């Protein structure tokens, strides 16, 4: 049985697939634009993000936790 290339990747590499771009997060949250996400970041009210070089990435697990916290807080 031949494994597909994505099945051959290590667990560490697969974890990187869970990193989302700002455009993907904005689309996922159905925001009017990615600029809303950037404004939230500047105001420190948005989901946690990490810089990878000059690129901004969002961990999907942390994004889910952030959404849960917002929902539970009634915001």
PDB file of N, CA and C in Angstrom:
ATOM      1  N   UNK A   1       0.835  -1.166   0.000  1.00  0.00           N
ATOM      2  CA  UNK A   1       0.000   0.000   0.000  1.00  0.00           C
ATOM      3  C   UNK A   1       0.894   1.248   0.000  1.00  0.00           C
ATOM      4  N   UNK A   2       0.668   2.134  -0.931  1.00  0.00           N
ATOM      5  CA  UNK A   2       1.440   3.367  -1.029  1.00  0.00           C
ATOM      6  C   UNK A   2       0.729   4.464  -0.274  1.00  0.00           C
ATOM      7  N   UNK A   3       1.467   5.122   0.568  1.00  0.00           N
ATOM      8  CA  UNK A   3       0.891   6.232   1.320  1.00  0.00           C
ATOM      9  C   UNK A   3       0.923   7.503   0.495  1.00  0.00           C
ATOM     10  N   UNK A   4      -0.101   8.303   0.663  1.00  0.00           N
ATOM     11  CA  UNK A   4      -0.122   9.601   0.001  1.00  0.00           C
ATOM     12  C   UNK A   4       0.924  10.490   0.669  1.00  0.00           C
ATOM     13  N   UNK A   5       1.460  11.470  -0.051  1.00  0.00           N
ATOM     14  CA  UNK A   5       2.509  12.327   0.522  1.00  0.00           C
ATOM     15  C   UNK A   5       2.115  12.970   1.843  1.00  0.00           C
ATOM     16  N   UNK A   6       0.859  13.415   1.988  1.00  0.00           N
ATOM     17  CA  UNK A   6       0.467  14.073   3.227  1.00  0.00           C
ATOM     18  C   UNK A   6       0.443  13.115   4.418  1.00  0.00           C
ATOM     19  N   UNK A   7       0.366  11.808   4.166  1.00  0.00           N
ATOM     20  CA  UNK A   7       0.382  10.832   5.251  1.00  0.00           C
ATOM     21  C   UNK A   7       1.807  10.534   5.706  1.00  0.00           C
ATOM     22  N   UNK A   8       2.791  10.880   4.903  1.00  0.00           N
ATOM     23  CA  UNK A   8       4.191  10.617   5.237  1.00  0.00           C
ATOM     24  C   UNK A   8       4.799  11.694   6.111  1.00  0.00           C
ATOM     25  N   UNK A   9       4.147  12.799   6.244  1.00  0.00           N
ATOM     26  CA  UNK A   9       4.717  13.903   7.005  1.00  0.00           C
ATOM     27  C   UNK A   9       4.762  13.586   8.493  1.00  0.00           C
ATOM     28  N   UNK A  10       5.698  14.196   9.164  1.00  0.00           N
ATOM     29  CA  UNK A  10       5.836  13.987  10.601  1.00  0.00           C
ATOM     30  C   UNK A  10       4.734  14.732  11.349  1.00  0.00           C
ATOM     31  N   UNK A  11       4.579  14.401  12.601  1.00  0.00           N
ATOM     32  CA  UNK A  11       3.576  15.062  13.432  1.00  0.00           C
ATOM     33  C   UNK A  11       3.880  16.555  13.545  1.00  0.00           C
ATOM     34  N   UNK A  12       5.163  16.910  13.612  1.00  0.00           N
ATOM     35  CA  UNK A  12       5.540  18.323  13.709  1.00  0.00           C
ATOM     36  C   UNK A  12       5.105  19.088  12.475  1.00  0.00           C
ATOM     37  N   UNK A  13       5.305  18.532  11.306  1.00  0.00           N
ATOM     38  CA  UNK A  13       4.931  19.199  10.069  1.00  0.00           C
ATOM     39  C   UNK A  13       3.419  19.313   9.956  1.00  0.00           C
ATOM     40  N   UNK A  14       2.710  18.279  10.354  1.00  0.00           N
ATOM     41  CA  UNK A  14       1.252  18.334  10.291  1.00  0.00           C
ATOM     42  C   UNK A  14       0.711  19.429  11.191  1.00  0.00           C
ATOM     43  N   UNK A  15       1.366  19.696  12.301  1.00  0.00           N
ATOM     44  CA  UNK A  15       0.937  20.753  13.205  1.00  0.00           C
ATOM     45  C   UNK A  15       0.973  22.117  12.553  1.00  0.00           C
ATOM     46  N   UNK A  16       1.881  22.307  11.618  1.00  0.00           N
ATOM     47  CA  UNK A  16       1.970  23.586  10.920  1.00  0.00           C
ATOM     48  C   UNK A  16       0.771  23.823  10.019  1.00  0.00           C
ATOM     49  N   UNK A  17       0.081  22.762   9.623  1.00  0.00           N
ATOM     50  CA  UNK A  17      -1.116  22.919   8.805  1.00  0.00           C
ATOM     51  C   UNK A  17      -2.226  23.607   9.582  1.00  0.00           C
ATOM     52  N   UNK A  18      -2.126  23.595  10.902  1.00  0.00           N
ATOM     53  CA  UNK A  18      -3.148  24.201  11.733  1.00  0.00           C
ATOM     54  C   UNK A  18      -2.931  25.702  11.896  1.00  0.00           C
ATOM     55  N   UNK A  19      -1.883  26.238  11.312  1.00  0.00           N
ATOM     56  CA  UNK A  19      -1.626  27.661  11.358  1.00  0.00           C
ATOM     57  C   UNK A  19      -2.385  28.328  10.211  1.00  0.00           C
ATOM     58  N   UNK A  20      -3.160  29.355  10.545  1.00  0.00           N
ATOM     59  CA  UNK A  20      -3.997  30.023   9.559  1.00  0.00           C
ATOM     60  C   UNK A  20      -3.480  31.417   9.253  1.00  0.00           C
ATOM     61  N   UNK A  21      -3.678  31.860   8.046  1.00  0.00           N
ATOM     62  CA  UNK A  21      -3.306  33.219   7.664  1.00  0.00           C
ATOM     63  C   UNK A  21      -4.409  34.180   8.116  1.00  0.00           C
ATOM     64  N   UNK A  22      -4.099  35.472   8.184  1.00  0.00           N
ATOM     65  CA  UNK A  22      -5.141  36.440   8.540  1.00  0.00           C
ATOM     66  C   UNK A  22      -6.341  36.396   7.583  1.00  0.00           C
ATOM     67  N   UNK A  23      -6.088  36.184   6.312  1.00  0.00           N
ATOM     68  CA  UNK A  23      -7.186  36.102   5.332  1.00  0.00           C
ATOM     69  C   UNK A  23      -8.079  34.905   5.641  1.00  0.00           C
ATOM     70  N   UNK A  24      -7.473  33.767   5.983  1.00  0.00           N
ATOM     71  CA  UNK A  24      -8.253  32.567   6.312  1.00  0.00           C
ATOM     72  C   UNK A  24      -9.081  32.784   7.580  1.00  0.00           C
ATOM     73  N   UNK A  25      -8.495  33.441   8.579  1.00  0.00           N
ATOM     74  CA  UNK A  25      -9.216  33.700   9.829  1.00  0.00           C
ATOM     75  C   UNK A  25     -10.375  34.664   9.574  1.00  0.00           C
ATOM     76  N   UNK A  26     -10.123  35.722   8.817  1.00  0.00           N
ATOM     77  CA  UNK A  26     -11.178  36.688   8.503  1.00  0.00           C
ATOM     78  C   UNK A  26     -12.326  36.000   7.764  1.00  0.00           C
ATOM     79  N   UNK A  27     -11.986  35.138   6.844  1.00  0.00           N
ATOM     80  CA  UNK A  27     -13.008  34.405   6.095  1.00  0.00           C
ATOM     81  C   UNK A  27     -13.773  33.447   7.016  1.00  0.00           C
ATOM     82  N   UNK A  28     -13.036  32.761   7.876  1.00  0.00           N
ATOM     83  CA  UNK A  28     -13.638  31.809   8.811  1.00  0.00           C
ATOM     84  C   UNK A  28     -14.608  32.500   9.768  1.00  0.00           C
ATOM     85  N   UNK A  29     -14.223  33.690  10.248  1.00  0.00           N
ATOM     86  CA  UNK A  29     -15.059  34.446  11.180  1.00  0.00           C
ATOM     87  C   UNK A  29     -16.103  35.300  10.468  1.00  0.00           C
ATOM     88  N   UNK A  30     -16.062  35.270   9.146  1.00  0.00           N
ATOM     89  CA  UNK A  30     -16.988  36.049   8.306  1.00  0.00           C
ATOM     90  C   UNK A  30     -16.922  37.542   8.635  1.00  0.00           C
ATOM     91  N   UNK A  31     -15.691  38.031   8.755  1.00  0.00           N
ATOM     92  CA  UNK A  31     -15.477  39.447   9.009  1.00  0.00           C
ATOM     93  C   UNK A  31     -15.626  40.225   7.707  1.00  0.00           C
ATOM     94  N   UNK A  32     -15.998  41.504   7.799  1.00  0.00           N
ATOM     95  CA  UNK A  32     -16.141  42.297   6.569  1.00  0.00           C
ATOM     96  C   UNK A  32     -14.845  42.398   5.763  1.00  0.00           C
ATOM     97  N   UNK A  33     -13.713  42.449   6.486  1.00  0.00           N
ATOM     98  CA  UNK A  33     -12.419  42.477   5.809  1.00  0.00           C
ATOM     99  C   UNK A  33     -11.336  42.028   6.778  1.00  0.00           C
ATOM    100  N   UNK A  34     -10.173  41.749   6.245  1.00  0.00           N
ATOM    101  CA  UNK A  34      -9.041  41.361   7.073  1.00  0.00           C
ATOM    102  C   UNK A  34      -8.580  42.542   7.935  1.00  0.00           C
ATOM    103  N   UNK A  35      -8.900  43.749   7.520  1.00  0.00           N
ATOM    104  CA  UNK A  35      -8.542  44.938   8.293  1.00  0.00           C
ATOM    105  C   UNK A  35      -9.183  44.922   9.678  1.00  0.00           C
ATOM    106  N   UNK A  36     -10.377  44.356   9.797  1.00  0.00           N
ATOM    107  CA  UNK A  36     -11.031  44.227  11.105  1.00  0.00           C
ATOM    108  C   UNK A  36     -10.154  43.404  12.036  1.00  0.00           C
ATOM    109  N   UNK A  37      -9.614  42.331  11.529  1.00  0.00           N
ATOM    110  CA  UNK A  37      -8.725  41.470  12.313  1.00  0.00           C
ATOM    111  C   UNK A  37      -7.468  42.231  12.735  1.00  0.00           C
ATOM    112  N   UNK A  38      -6.911  43.024  11.825  1.00  0.00           N
ATOM    113  CA  UNK A  38      -5.727  43.818  12.153  1.00  0.00           C
ATOM    114  C   UNK A  38      -6.042  44.881  13.222  1.00  0.00           C
ATOM    115  N   UNK A  39      -7.221  45.485  13.130  1.00  0.00           N
ATOM    116  CA  UNK A  39      -7.619  46.472  14.142  1.00  0.00           C
ATOM    117  C   UNK A  39      -7.767  45.809  15.500  1.00  0.00           C
ATOM    118  N   UNK A  40      -8.383  44.646  15.546  1.00  0.00           N
ATOM    119  CA  UNK A  40      -8.528  43.904  16.801  1.00  0.00           C
ATOM    120  C   UNK A  40      -7.152  43.609  17.391  1.00  0.00           C
ATOM    121  N   UNK A  41      -6.199  43.262  16.524  1.00  0.00           N
ATOM    122  CA  UNK A  41      -4.845  42.950  17.001  1.00  0.00           C
ATOM    123  C   UNK A  41      -4.198  44.185  17.618  1.00  0.00           C
ATOM    124  N   UNK A  42      -4.335  45.321  16.955  1.00  0.00           N
ATOM    125  CA  UNK A  42      -3.762  46.566  17.484  1.00  0.00           C
ATOM    126  C   UNK A  42      -4.390  46.947  18.825  1.00  0.00           C
ATOM    127  N   UNK A  43      -5.683  46.684  18.980  1.00  0.00           N
ATOM    128  CA  UNK A  43      -6.401  47.001  20.220  1.00  0.00           C
ATOM    129  C   UNK A  43      -6.254  45.897  21.272  1.00  0.00           C
ATOM    130  N   UNK A  44      -5.601  44.802  20.891  1.00  0.00           N
ATOM    131  CA  UNK A  44      -5.390  43.641  21.764  1.00  0.00           C
ATOM    132  C   UNK A  44      -6.698  43.007  22.229  1.00  0.00           C
ATOM    133  N   UNK A  45      -7.679  42.969  21.318  1.00  0.00           N
ATOM    134  CA  UNK A  45      -8.953  42.324  21.640  1.00  0.00           C
ATOM    135  C   UNK A  45      -9.237  41.134  20.720  1.00  0.00           C
ATOM    136  N   UNK A  46      -8.349  40.893  19.776  1.00  0.00           N
ATOM    137  CA  UNK A  46      -8.557  39.819  18.815  1.00  0.00           C
ATOM    138  C   UNK A  46      -7.931  38.514  19.254  1.00  0.00           C
ATOM    139  N   UNK A  47      -8.052  37.503  18.404  1.00  0.00           N
ATOM    140  CA  UNK A  47      -7.456  36.200  18.725  1.00  0.00           C
ATOM    141  C   UNK A  47      -5.935  36.291  18.756  1.00  0.00           C
ATOM    142  N   UNK A  48      -5.301  35.438  19.568  1.00  0.00           N
ATOM    143  CA  UNK A  48      -3.840  35.476  19.648  1.00  0.00           C
ATOM    144  C   UNK A  48      -3.204  35.041  18.327  1.00  0.00           C
ATOM    145  N   UNK A  49      -2.144  35.737  17.977  1.00  0.00           N
ATOM    146  CA  UNK A  49      -1.433  35.438  16.735  1.00  0.00           C
ATOM    147  C   UNK A  49       0.061  35.393  17.024  1.00  0.00           C
ATOM    148  N   UNK A  50       0.801  34.854  16.087  1.00  0.00           N
ATOM    149  CA  UNK A  50       2.250  34.761  16.233  1.00  0.00           C
ATOM    150  C   UNK A  50       2.897  35.233  14.932  1.00  0.00           C
ATOM    151  N   UNK A  51       4.025  35.888  15.065  1.00  0.00           N
ATOM    152  CA  UNK A  51       4.792  36.312  13.888  1.00  0.00           C
ATOM    153  C   UNK A  51       5.740  35.192  13.490  1.00  0.00           C
ATOM    154  N   UNK A  52       5.735  34.874  12.220  1.00  0.00           N
ATOM    155  CA  UNK A  52       6.683  33.919  11.649  1.00  0.00           C
ATOM    156  C   UNK A  52       7.440  34.719  10.597  1.00  0.00           C
ATOM    157  N   UNK A  53       8.599  35.211  11.004  1.00  0.00           N
ATOM    158  CA  UNK A  53       9.301  36.152  10.134  1.00  0.00           C
ATOM    159  C   UNK A  53       8.487  37.429  10.075  1.00  0.00           C
ATOM    160  N   UNK A  54       8.106  37.825   8.897  1.00  0.00           N
ATOM    161  CA  UNK A  54       7.261  39.018   8.777  1.00  0.00           C
ATOM    162  C   UNK A  54       5.801  38.667   8.552  1.00  0.00           C
ATOM    163  N   UNK A  55       5.471  37.396   8.665  1.00  0.00           N
ATOM    164  CA  UNK A  55       4.111  36.925   8.428  1.00  0.00           C
ATOM    165  C   UNK A  55       3.378  36.673   9.738  1.00  0.00           C
ATOM    166  N   UNK A  56       2.099  36.945   9.737  1.00  0.00           N
ATOM    167  CA  UNK A  56       1.255  36.737  10.897  1.00  0.00           C
ATOM    168  C   UNK A  56       0.487  35.429  10.721  1.00  0.00           C
ATOM    169  N   UNK A  57       0.473  34.594  11.757  1.00  0.00           N
ATOM    170  CA  UNK A  57      -0.234  33.312  11.690  1.00  0.00           C
ATOM    171  C   UNK A  57      -1.046  33.109  12.957  1.00  0.00           C
ATOM    172  N   UNK A  58      -2.154  32.407  12.809  1.00  0.00           N
ATOM    173  CA  UNK A  58      -3.056  32.103  13.913  1.00  0.00           C
ATOM    174  C   UNK A  58      -3.126  30.596  14.086  1.00  0.00           C
ATOM    175  N   UNK A  59      -2.943  30.146  15.319  1.00  0.00           N
ATOM    176  CA  UNK A  59      -3.058  28.729  15.646  1.00  0.00           C
ATOM    177  C   UNK A  59      -4.550  28.406  15.732  1.00  0.00           C
ATOM    178  N   UNK A  60      -4.999  27.404  14.993  1.00  0.00           N
ATOM    179  CA  UNK A  60      -6.424  27.094  14.950  1.00  0.00           C
ATOM    180  C   UNK A  60      -6.966  26.674  16.314  1.00  0.00           C
ATOM    181  N   UNK A  61      -6.167  25.997  17.130  1.00  0.00           N
ATOM    182  CA  UNK A  61      -6.615  25.585  18.466  1.00  0.00           C
ATOM    183  C   UNK A  61      -6.808  26.809  19.367  1.00  0.00           C
ATOM    184  N   UNK A  62      -5.862  27.748  19.301  1.00  0.00           N
ATOM    185  CA  UNK A  62      -5.984  28.965  20.111  1.00  0.00           C
ATOM    186  C   UNK A  62      -7.137  29.836  19.624  1.00  0.00           C
ATOM    187  N   UNK A  63      -7.370  29.832  18.320  1.00  0.00           N
ATOM    188  CA  UNK A  63      -8.501  30.563  17.762  1.00  0.00           C
ATOM    189  C   UNK A  63      -9.810  29.988  18.298  1.00  0.00           C
ATOM    190  N   UNK A  64      -9.907  28.664  18.347  1.00  0.00           N
ATOM    191  CA  UNK A  64     -11.108  28.010  18.874  1.00  0.00           C
ATOM    192  C   UNK A  64     -11.306  28.355  20.347  1.00  0.00           C
ATOM    193  N   UNK A  65     -10.230  28.356  21.130  1.00  0.00           N
ATOM    194  CA  UNK A  65     -10.313  28.728  22.557  1.00  0.00           C
ATOM    195  C   UNK A  65     -10.764  30.175  22.706  1.00  0.00           C
ATOM    196  N   UNK A  66     -10.211  31.064  21.891  1.00  0.00           N
ATOM    197  CA  UNK A  66     -10.578  32.474  21.933  1.00  0.00           C
ATOM    198  C   UNK A  66     -12.066  32.641  21.635  1.00  0.00           C
ATOM    199  N   UNK A  67     -12.561  31.916  20.658  1.00  0.00           N
ATOM    200  CA  UNK A  67     -13.980  31.980  20.330  1.00  0.00           C
ATOM    201  C   UNK A  67     -14.838  31.458  21.483  1.00  0.00           C
ATOM    202  N   UNK A  68     -14.412  30.376  22.102  1.00  0.00           N
ATOM    203  CA  UNK A  68     -15.135  29.815  23.251  1.00  0.00           C
ATOM    204  C   UNK A  68     -15.194  30.823  24.396  1.00  0.00           C
ATOM    205  N   UNK A  69     -14.074  31.470  24.675  1.00  0.00           N
ATOM    206  CA  UNK A  69     -14.036  32.470  25.744  1.00  0.00           C
ATOM    207  C   UNK A  69     -14.976  33.629  25.454  1.00  0.00           C
ATOM    208  N   UNK A  70     -15.006  34.054  24.217  1.00  0.00           N
ATOM    209  CA  UNK A  70     -15.869  35.159  23.826  1.00  0.00           C
ATOM    210  C   UNK A  70     -17.336  34.762  23.945  1.00  0.00           C
ATOM    211  N   UNK A  71     -17.653  33.546  23.576  1.00  0.00           N
ATOM    212  CA  UNK A  71     -19.021  33.050  23.633  1.00  0.00           C
ATOM    213  C   UNK A  71     -19.473  32.921  25.083  1.00  0.00           C
ATOM    214  N   UNK A  72     -18.620  32.378  25.938  1.00  0.00           N
ATOM    215  CA  UNK A  72     -18.966  32.188  27.345  1.00  0.00           C
ATOM    216  C   UNK A  72     -19.097  33.522  28.074  1.00  0.00           C
ATOM    217  N   UNK A  73     -18.348  34.506  27.645  1.00  0.00           N
ATOM    218  CA  UNK A  73     -18.385  35.811  28.293  1.00  0.00           C
ATOM    219  C   UNK A  73     -19.615  36.620  27.856  1.00  0.00           C
ATOM    220  N   UNK A  74     -20.314  36.117  26.858  1.00  0.00           N
ATOM    221  CA  UNK A  74     -21.516  36.807  26.385  1.00  0.00           C
ATOM    222  C   UNK A  74     -21.221  38.024  25.546  1.00  0.00           C
ATOM    223  N   UNK A  75     -20.040  38.064  24.960  1.00  0.00           N
ATOM    224  CA  UNK A  75     -19.652  39.214  24.137  1.00  0.00           C
ATOM    225  C   UNK A  75     -20.104  39.033  22.721  1.00  0.00           C
TER     226      UNK A  75
END
